[in-house]
Protein backbone atom coordinates (compact mmCIF):
# COMPACT_ATOMS: atom_id res chain seq x y z
CA UNK A 1 107.12 94.93 56.71
CA UNK A 2 107.23 93.64 53.16
CA UNK A 3 110.26 91.70 51.97
CA UNK A 4 110.87 94.15 49.11
CA UNK A 5 110.93 97.10 51.51
CA UNK A 6 113.30 95.25 53.85
CA UNK A 7 115.66 94.37 51.00
CA UNK A 8 115.62 97.98 49.81
CA UNK A 9 116.70 99.22 53.25
CA UNK A 10 119.68 96.86 53.20
CA UNK A 11 120.69 97.67 49.64
CA UNK A 12 123.13 100.46 50.40
CA UNK A 13 123.11 100.82 54.17
CA UNK A 14 124.08 99.07 57.38
CA UNK A 15 121.44 98.54 60.04
CA UNK A 16 122.54 98.37 63.67
CA UNK A 17 120.68 95.89 65.88
CA UNK A 18 120.63 95.94 69.66
CA UNK A 19 122.85 93.93 72.00
CA UNK A 20 122.34 91.41 74.77
CA UNK A 21 119.00 91.13 76.54
CA UNK A 22 119.54 88.21 78.94
CA UNK A 23 122.78 89.43 80.49
CA UNK A 24 121.35 92.96 80.80
CA UNK A 25 118.26 91.62 82.56
CA UNK A 26 120.50 89.58 84.86
CA UNK A 27 122.28 92.77 85.86
CA UNK A 28 119.00 94.61 86.35
CA UNK A 29 116.86 92.10 88.25
CA UNK A 30 119.20 89.23 89.13
CA UNK A 31 119.04 85.56 88.26
CA UNK A 32 115.64 84.34 87.04
CA UNK A 33 114.18 80.96 86.19
CA UNK A 34 112.99 82.32 82.84
CA UNK A 35 113.89 85.71 81.35
CA UNK A 36 110.94 85.57 78.93
CA UNK A 37 108.61 85.56 81.95
CA UNK A 38 109.87 89.05 82.83
CA UNK A 39 107.65 90.40 80.03
CA UNK A 40 104.80 90.01 82.52
CA UNK A 41 106.57 90.24 85.90
CA UNK A 42 109.15 92.99 85.21
CA UNK A 43 108.00 94.79 82.04
CA UNK A 44 109.60 98.07 83.10
CA UNK A 45 113.06 96.44 83.21
CA UNK A 46 112.60 95.07 79.69
CA UNK A 47 111.33 98.47 78.48
CA UNK A 48 114.35 100.30 79.92
CA UNK A 49 116.76 97.98 78.12
CA UNK A 50 114.97 98.50 74.79
CA UNK A 51 115.05 102.23 75.40
CA UNK A 52 118.77 102.20 76.24
CA UNK A 53 119.60 100.47 72.97
CA UNK A 54 117.45 102.89 70.96
CA UNK A 55 119.19 105.84 72.62
CA UNK A 56 122.53 104.19 71.77
CA UNK A 57 121.63 104.32 68.07
CA UNK A 58 120.11 100.90 67.34
CA UNK A 59 117.90 100.72 64.25
CA UNK A 60 116.57 97.31 65.32
CA UNK A 61 115.42 96.07 68.71
CA UNK A 62 114.63 92.41 69.36
CA UNK A 63 111.70 91.25 71.45
CA UNK A 64 112.47 89.55 74.76
CA UNK A 65 111.14 86.23 73.45
CA UNK A 66 114.27 84.22 72.67
CA UNK A 67 113.09 81.18 74.66
CA UNK A 68 109.34 81.86 74.67
CA UNK A 69 108.34 78.62 72.98
CA UNK A 70 106.25 75.80 74.44
CA UNK A 71 109.15 73.34 74.68
CA UNK A 72 111.40 75.62 76.75
CA UNK A 73 108.60 77.12 78.83
CA UNK A 74 107.15 73.74 79.85
CA UNK A 75 109.79 72.92 82.55
CA UNK A 76 108.80 76.18 84.30
CA UNK A 77 105.09 75.39 84.18
CA UNK A 78 104.55 78.06 81.51
CA UNK A 79 103.72 75.91 78.48
CA UNK A 80 100.29 77.52 78.17
CA UNK A 81 101.73 81.05 78.32
CA UNK A 82 103.28 81.13 74.82
CA UNK A 83 100.71 83.52 73.39
CA UNK A 84 100.76 85.86 76.40
CA UNK A 85 104.54 86.07 76.85
CA UNK A 86 105.21 86.66 73.15
CA UNK A 87 102.40 89.18 72.89
CA UNK A 88 103.70 91.07 75.91
CA UNK A 89 107.23 90.98 74.52
CA UNK A 90 106.12 92.67 71.30
CA UNK A 91 103.96 95.18 73.19
CA UNK A 92 106.90 96.31 75.33
CA UNK A 93 109.12 96.71 72.25
CA UNK A 94 106.42 98.72 70.46
CA UNK A 95 106.07 101.02 73.48
CA UNK A 96 109.82 101.60 73.45
CA UNK A 97 109.70 102.38 69.72
CA UNK A 98 106.85 104.85 70.20
CA UNK A 99 108.96 106.78 72.70
CA UNK A 100 111.81 107.11 70.17
CA UNK A 101 112.37 110.18 68.04
CA UNK A 102 113.16 108.15 64.91
CA UNK A 103 112.02 105.00 63.17
CA UNK A 104 113.01 101.70 64.79
CA UNK A 105 112.30 98.20 63.49
CA UNK A 106 111.10 95.42 65.78
CA UNK A 107 112.49 91.93 65.23
CA UNK A 108 110.64 88.97 66.68
CA UNK A 109 113.35 86.95 68.42
CA UNK A 110 113.09 83.16 68.14
CA UNK A 111 115.77 80.90 69.59
CA UNK A 112 116.39 77.15 69.30
CA UNK A 113 114.64 74.58 71.46
CA UNK A 114 117.89 73.53 73.13
CA UNK A 115 117.59 69.96 71.90
CA UNK A 116 121.22 69.14 72.64
CA UNK A 117 120.68 69.39 76.40
CA UNK A 118 117.18 67.92 76.58
CA UNK A 119 116.48 64.26 77.27
CA UNK A 120 113.36 64.29 75.10
CA UNK A 121 113.66 65.26 71.46
CA UNK A 122 110.34 66.01 69.75
CA UNK A 123 109.56 64.67 66.30
CA UNK A 124 110.18 67.08 63.38
CA UNK A 125 106.44 67.66 63.02
CA UNK A 126 106.16 68.64 66.68
CA UNK A 127 109.19 70.94 66.39
CA UNK A 128 107.56 72.70 63.45
CA UNK A 129 104.31 73.14 65.40
CA UNK A 130 106.26 74.65 68.33
CA UNK A 131 107.96 77.24 66.11
CA UNK A 132 104.70 77.91 64.24
CA UNK A 133 102.90 78.71 67.50
CA UNK A 134 105.53 81.20 68.66
CA UNK A 135 106.00 82.88 65.29
CA UNK A 136 102.25 83.32 64.84
CA UNK A 137 101.96 84.96 68.27
CA UNK A 138 104.75 87.39 67.37
CA UNK A 139 103.29 88.33 64.00
CA UNK A 140 99.78 88.81 65.33
CA UNK A 141 101.11 91.44 67.76
CA UNK A 142 103.00 93.33 65.05
CA UNK A 143 106.70 92.52 64.60
CA UNK A 144 108.36 93.89 61.46
CA UNK A 145 110.42 90.77 60.75
CA UNK A 146 111.75 87.62 62.38
CA UNK A 147 115.25 86.91 63.63
CA UNK A 148 116.10 83.25 64.19
CA UNK A 149 119.28 83.29 66.24
CA UNK A 150 121.84 81.15 68.08
CA UNK A 151 120.84 77.94 66.28
CA UNK A 152 123.46 75.18 66.50
CA UNK A 153 121.71 72.62 64.30
CA UNK A 154 120.99 73.71 60.75
CA UNK A 155 118.28 71.04 60.52
CA UNK A 156 116.40 72.74 63.35
CA UNK A 157 116.86 76.15 61.73
CA UNK A 158 115.42 74.85 58.46
CA UNK A 159 112.37 73.51 60.31
CA UNK A 160 111.86 76.89 62.00
CA UNK A 161 112.03 78.65 58.61
CA UNK A 162 109.54 76.20 57.13
CA UNK A 163 107.20 76.79 60.07
CA UNK A 164 107.24 80.56 59.49
CA UNK A 165 106.92 80.33 55.73
CA UNK A 166 103.85 78.12 56.11
CA UNK A 167 101.85 81.27 56.94
CA UNK A 168 104.03 84.40 56.90
CA UNK A 169 105.46 86.70 54.28
CA UNK A 170 107.57 88.75 56.69
CA UNK A 171 111.35 89.00 56.21
CA UNK A 172 113.54 86.46 58.03
CA UNK A 173 117.08 86.85 59.38
CA UNK A 174 118.52 83.36 59.97
CA UNK A 175 121.62 83.06 62.17
CA UNK A 176 123.65 80.04 63.24
CA UNK A 177 126.26 79.98 65.98
CA UNK A 178 129.73 78.64 65.19
CA UNK A 179 132.63 77.22 67.18
CA UNK A 180 136.16 78.63 66.98
CA UNK A 181 136.96 75.97 64.38
CA UNK A 182 134.48 77.64 62.03
CA UNK A 183 131.81 74.94 62.12
CA UNK A 184 128.47 74.39 63.73
CA UNK A 185 127.16 70.99 64.86
CA UNK A 186 127.56 68.35 62.18
CA UNK A 187 130.79 70.00 60.95
CA UNK A 188 128.76 72.41 58.79
CA UNK A 189 130.89 75.24 57.44
CA UNK A 190 129.42 78.73 56.89
CA UNK A 191 129.57 78.20 53.13
CA UNK A 192 127.63 74.94 53.38
CA UNK A 193 125.07 76.55 55.67
CA UNK A 194 124.57 79.50 53.31
CA UNK A 195 124.06 77.19 50.34
CA UNK A 196 121.34 75.33 52.24
CA UNK A 197 119.62 78.52 53.43
CA UNK A 198 119.84 80.84 50.42
CA UNK A 199 116.96 79.18 48.55
CA UNK A 200 114.64 79.05 51.58
CA UNK A 201 113.28 82.59 51.13
CA UNK A 202 115.33 84.10 53.93
CA UNK A 203 116.50 87.65 53.46
CA UNK A 204 119.65 87.67 55.62
CA UNK A 205 121.98 84.83 56.65
CA UNK A 206 124.35 85.39 59.53
CA UNK A 207 126.23 84.29 62.63
CA UNK A 208 125.84 85.26 66.26
CA UNK A 209 126.80 84.26 69.80
CA UNK A 210 129.63 81.94 71.03
CA UNK A 211 132.46 83.98 69.49
CA UNK A 212 133.83 87.46 70.11
CA UNK A 213 134.33 90.08 67.38
CA UNK A 214 137.74 88.99 66.12
CA UNK A 215 136.87 85.29 66.00
CA UNK A 216 133.58 86.01 64.21
CA UNK A 217 135.16 87.90 61.31
CA UNK A 218 136.45 84.80 59.44
CA UNK A 219 132.94 83.30 59.71
CA UNK A 220 131.41 86.43 58.23
CA UNK A 221 134.06 86.49 55.55
CA UNK A 222 133.18 82.97 54.47
CA UNK A 223 129.48 83.81 54.40
CA UNK A 224 130.13 86.97 52.40
CA UNK A 225 131.91 84.92 49.74
CA UNK A 226 128.62 83.20 48.83
CA UNK A 227 126.87 84.99 45.98
CA UNK A 228 123.35 86.27 46.31
CA UNK A 229 123.02 86.61 50.10
CA UNK A 230 123.03 89.41 52.66
CA UNK A 231 125.02 88.82 55.84
CA UNK A 232 124.52 89.70 59.50
CA UNK A 233 126.94 89.43 62.41
CA UNK A 234 126.32 89.73 66.16
CA UNK A 235 129.31 88.68 68.30
CA UNK A 236 129.50 88.12 72.03
CA UNK A 237 131.45 90.53 74.19
CA UNK A 238 134.04 87.73 74.40
CA UNK A 239 134.40 84.27 75.88
CA UNK A 240 132.57 83.98 79.24
CA UNK A 241 134.10 82.74 82.48
CA UNK A 242 132.65 81.67 85.81
CA UNK A 243 133.19 83.85 88.88
CA UNK A 244 131.60 82.18 91.89
CA UNK A 245 128.01 81.42 90.94
CA UNK A 246 127.94 83.91 88.07
CA UNK A 247 128.82 83.73 84.38
CA UNK A 248 130.79 86.88 83.54
CA UNK A 249 131.70 88.21 80.10
CA UNK A 250 134.92 90.14 79.53
CA UNK A 251 134.62 93.89 79.38
CA UNK A 252 135.51 94.28 75.72
CA UNK A 253 135.95 97.94 74.95
CA UNK A 254 133.41 99.77 72.78
CA UNK A 255 136.33 100.83 70.56
CA UNK A 256 136.97 97.13 69.86
CA UNK A 257 133.40 96.80 68.57
CA UNK A 258 133.76 99.94 66.47
CA UNK A 259 136.79 98.35 64.80
CA UNK A 260 134.78 95.17 64.28
CA UNK A 261 132.00 97.19 62.62
CA UNK A 262 134.43 98.75 60.16
CA UNK A 263 136.00 95.42 59.24
CA UNK A 264 132.62 93.69 58.94
CA UNK A 265 131.30 96.48 56.70
CA UNK A 266 134.31 96.01 54.44
CA UNK A 267 133.23 92.39 54.03
CA UNK A 268 129.72 93.45 52.98
CA UNK A 269 127.85 92.74 56.22
CA UNK A 270 124.43 94.47 56.25
CA UNK A 271 123.20 94.01 59.84
CA UNK A 272 125.50 94.44 62.85
CA UNK A 273 124.62 93.94 66.48
CA UNK A 274 125.74 92.28 69.69
CA UNK A 275 124.96 89.11 71.57
CA UNK A 276 125.78 87.85 75.07
CA UNK A 277 127.58 90.32 77.32
CA UNK A 278 127.23 93.32 75.00
CA UNK A 279 125.76 96.58 76.29
CA UNK A 280 124.41 99.86 74.91
CA UNK A 281 127.98 101.19 74.99
CA UNK A 282 129.07 98.56 72.45
CA UNK A 283 126.06 99.30 70.24
CA UNK A 284 126.69 103.05 70.43
CA UNK A 285 130.28 102.53 69.27
CA UNK A 286 129.15 100.45 66.28
CA UNK A 287 126.35 102.90 65.43
CA UNK A 288 128.81 105.81 65.42
CA UNK A 289 131.24 103.86 63.23
CA UNK A 290 128.46 102.84 60.84
CA UNK A 291 127.47 106.45 60.15
CA UNK A 292 130.44 106.84 57.85
CA UNK A 293 130.33 103.32 56.43
CA UNK A 294 128.66 101.67 53.49
CA UNK A 295 128.66 97.89 53.00
CA UNK A 296 130.99 96.55 50.34
CA UNK A 297 129.32 96.26 46.97
CA UNK A 298 130.83 92.91 46.07
CA UNK A 299 131.43 89.78 48.07
CA UNK A 300 135.12 88.90 48.54
CA UNK A 301 135.69 85.75 46.52
CA UNK A 302 138.93 84.86 48.26
CA UNK A 303 139.99 84.96 51.90
CA UNK A 304 141.52 88.23 52.93
CA UNK A 305 144.98 88.65 54.36
CA UNK A 306 143.40 88.90 57.79
CA UNK A 307 142.62 85.19 57.88
CA UNK A 308 146.09 84.13 56.78
CA UNK A 309 148.37 86.62 58.43
CA UNK A 310 151.62 84.94 59.41
CA UNK A 311 151.95 84.70 63.17
CA UNK A 312 154.50 86.99 64.70
CA UNK A 313 157.64 85.22 65.89
CA UNK A 314 157.52 84.35 69.57
CA UNK A 315 160.00 86.40 71.54
CA UNK A 316 162.52 84.41 73.53
CA UNK A 317 161.96 84.40 77.26
CA UNK A 318 163.44 82.60 80.20
CA UNK A 319 161.53 79.59 81.57
CA UNK A 320 159.16 80.40 84.40
CA UNK A 321 158.56 77.10 86.16
CA UNK A 322 160.91 75.29 88.52
CA UNK A 323 159.96 72.03 86.82
CA UNK A 324 161.13 73.19 83.40
CA UNK A 325 164.33 74.63 84.81
CA UNK A 326 165.13 71.24 86.35
CA UNK A 327 164.51 69.51 83.03
CA UNK A 328 166.88 71.89 81.29
CA UNK A 329 169.51 71.34 83.97
CA UNK A 330 169.03 67.54 83.70
CA UNK A 331 168.13 67.36 87.37
CA UNK A 332 165.82 64.88 89.10
CA UNK A 333 162.23 66.18 89.12
CA UNK A 334 159.38 64.96 91.30
CA UNK A 335 155.78 64.99 90.02
CA UNK A 336 152.61 64.08 91.88
CA UNK A 337 149.82 62.55 89.83
CA UNK A 338 146.20 63.50 90.53
CA UNK A 339 142.92 62.42 88.94
CA UNK A 340 140.38 64.97 87.67
CA UNK A 341 137.26 65.23 89.85
CA UNK A 342 134.13 63.31 88.88
CA UNK A 343 131.92 66.34 89.41
CA UNK A 344 132.17 70.06 88.66
CA UNK A 345 133.72 71.31 91.90
CA UNK A 346 137.47 71.95 92.03
CA UNK A 347 137.64 73.26 95.61
CA UNK A 348 138.99 70.00 97.05
CA UNK A 349 141.54 69.70 94.25
CA UNK A 350 142.75 73.27 94.88
CA UNK A 351 143.08 72.56 98.61
CA UNK A 352 145.04 69.32 98.15
CA UNK A 353 147.34 70.69 95.46
CA UNK A 354 148.03 73.81 97.51
CA UNK A 355 149.12 71.64 100.46
CA UNK A 356 151.32 69.44 98.26
CA UNK A 357 153.07 72.38 96.62
CA UNK A 358 153.52 74.12 100.00
CA UNK A 359 155.86 71.29 101.03
CA UNK A 360 158.44 72.64 98.55
CA UNK A 361 159.34 69.03 97.67
CA UNK A 362 157.21 68.66 94.56
CA UNK A 363 158.12 70.21 91.22
CA UNK A 364 154.94 69.66 89.21
CA UNK A 365 151.39 68.31 89.31
CA UNK A 366 150.65 65.63 86.72
CA UNK A 367 146.93 65.48 85.84
CA UNK A 368 145.82 62.03 84.74
CA UNK A 369 143.68 61.84 81.62
CA UNK A 370 141.51 59.08 83.07
CA UNK A 371 143.04 55.68 82.45
CA UNK A 372 139.73 53.95 83.28
CA UNK A 373 137.89 56.05 80.67
CA UNK A 374 135.39 57.04 83.35
CA UNK A 375 133.25 60.15 83.25
CA UNK A 376 135.01 63.10 84.86
CA UNK A 377 136.30 66.60 84.29
CA UNK A 378 138.68 66.94 81.37
CA UNK A 379 142.35 67.01 82.36
CA UNK A 380 142.99 70.09 80.24
CA UNK A 381 140.21 71.97 82.02
CA UNK A 382 141.68 71.03 85.42
CA UNK A 383 145.13 72.15 84.25
CA UNK A 384 143.82 75.52 83.12
CA UNK A 385 141.97 76.02 86.39
CA UNK A 386 145.04 75.16 88.48
CA UNK A 387 147.20 77.51 86.49
CA UNK A 388 144.72 80.37 86.85
CA UNK A 389 143.93 79.80 90.54
CA UNK A 390 147.30 78.76 91.98
CA UNK A 391 149.75 80.03 89.35
CA UNK A 392 151.06 76.52 88.74
CA UNK A 393 152.40 75.04 85.54
CA UNK A 394 150.73 71.62 85.56
CA UNK A 395 151.33 68.68 83.24
CA UNK A 396 148.12 67.70 81.52
CA UNK A 397 147.86 64.34 79.79
CA UNK A 398 145.99 63.96 76.56
CA UNK A 399 144.76 60.40 76.02
CA UNK A 400 144.61 59.89 72.27
CA UNK A 401 142.45 56.79 72.37
CA UNK A 402 140.48 57.65 69.26
CA UNK A 403 140.47 60.29 66.57
CA UNK A 404 137.73 62.09 68.52
CA UNK A 405 140.47 63.80 70.53
CA UNK A 406 141.49 65.64 67.39
CA UNK A 407 137.92 66.79 66.73
CA UNK A 408 137.82 68.53 70.13
CA UNK A 409 140.28 71.08 68.83
CA UNK A 410 143.64 69.38 69.37
CA UNK A 411 145.90 68.58 66.47
CA UNK A 412 147.53 65.14 66.73
CA UNK A 413 149.52 64.22 63.60
CA UNK A 414 150.68 60.88 65.04
CA UNK A 415 150.43 58.66 68.12
CA UNK A 416 153.40 60.26 69.83
CA UNK A 417 153.15 63.87 68.66
CA UNK A 418 150.77 66.64 69.65
CA UNK A 419 151.08 70.15 68.26
CA UNK A 420 148.62 72.11 70.42
CA UNK A 421 148.53 72.62 74.19
CA UNK A 422 146.06 74.15 76.63
CA UNK A 423 148.15 74.23 79.78
CA UNK A 424 151.80 75.19 80.01
CA UNK A 425 152.98 71.59 79.82
CA UNK A 426 151.59 68.56 78.05
CA UNK A 427 152.38 64.89 78.56
CA UNK A 428 151.59 62.54 75.70
CA UNK A 429 149.68 59.41 76.57
CA UNK A 430 148.99 56.61 74.11
CA UNK A 431 148.06 52.92 74.62
CA UNK A 432 151.33 51.84 73.04
CA UNK A 433 153.53 54.12 75.15
CA UNK A 434 152.07 55.13 78.50
CA UNK A 435 153.99 57.50 80.73
CA UNK A 436 153.22 56.54 84.32
CA UNK A 437 156.31 57.49 86.33
CA UNK A 438 155.70 59.82 89.22
CA UNK A 439 159.39 60.56 89.71
CA UNK A 440 161.70 60.45 86.74
CA UNK A 441 165.02 61.75 85.60
CA UNK A 442 165.12 63.61 82.32
CA UNK A 443 166.71 60.53 80.69
CA UNK A 444 163.43 58.66 81.03
CA UNK A 445 161.35 61.39 79.39
CA UNK A 446 160.72 60.73 75.68
CA UNK A 447 161.85 63.52 73.38
CA UNK A 448 158.34 63.67 71.91
CA UNK A 449 157.11 64.72 75.36
CA UNK A 450 159.90 66.97 76.47
CA UNK A 451 159.79 69.15 73.38
CA UNK A 452 156.17 70.01 74.17
CA UNK A 453 156.76 70.81 77.86
CA UNK A 454 156.48 74.56 77.52
CA UNK A 455 157.38 76.55 80.61
């Protein structure tokens, strides 16, 4: 497809892309070492997913080639299968399109190399060669355009774009993934990313993955405020959680995605789709909503009221935990301190805490933040897990040793004040004032701590 034709399609309409591929394949055929390999081992499963999204109303289907590059295939012994897996991925998508009763575009899906979790980082020249090899295989088989998605490092995304533009004139949709704070790695804001990408001959700049619909809207809003770009948005079904040995996404309702589609269209978003955990039902809801929608003609120059809506006042409620009730009554409270586990398993912690609390003599569990600064599970994560599994209200310490604690999403205006909590209660820990008492009366609890112990 020519760039001019692609731009013309997006001028006054909204295109609906498909949803998740990996999580759908997981449901269909179970856990696999490499979902891209299914293009050759389970082509019928891939075909059925494409077909389901087309029947749901998708105008765009993405090839099952997100990780089909030499770098990511090599650990599975598939480094020499780049050409075959990408070619098969496009072939399956084309077969699904031929069975459709209307026109459908095929996007060649290219994902990042996953450099953040790899011990070996290739040189920039090697990275470009890796992307060039995959993109060439996709174009030779007949994709309509490229979609670069779920990139966390803008430097890597720029290399991928350069690799494609070294030989191809097909349209490019370039998408980064953002954290809840509104930044990608390197503290790059959507506005900064758009300014770096808009002059690289990409046709659409967007955001996908990591965030659910509501959390993605402010990102899209910031992108839409940049003049001269078209925007795409593909949220997750929500934030995933682990259930046993599976990663499960929340069952966000299709109506929720329809509402997202309407709000995104009002911002001027041109391509809407879904990422991890989304299904044909979510895509159908957005496709139905988009039938009566047209993208906004102008980019909003200022943040909308949505991003700055005043929070509703918190309704008063009675304290829930025995620990907090004792603090209010100025009674003696007994806490047992535990250390977070060194590994990823919490089973032993659950067992020990359950036994301790069954004695009826302990009021709270105090989770140490790691005084030795050793590697281990974060205290806030342990607190959240205990609360969810055992319905406890643990005290989680936050060791503010450096300003890096603030960059993890906690706001710490001073050494003895913290204004954000994860668990129900939060103990403040600082080198100049360390709280170490296992049993203490309320007189010994600093006011800076007690005012943040939320029952």
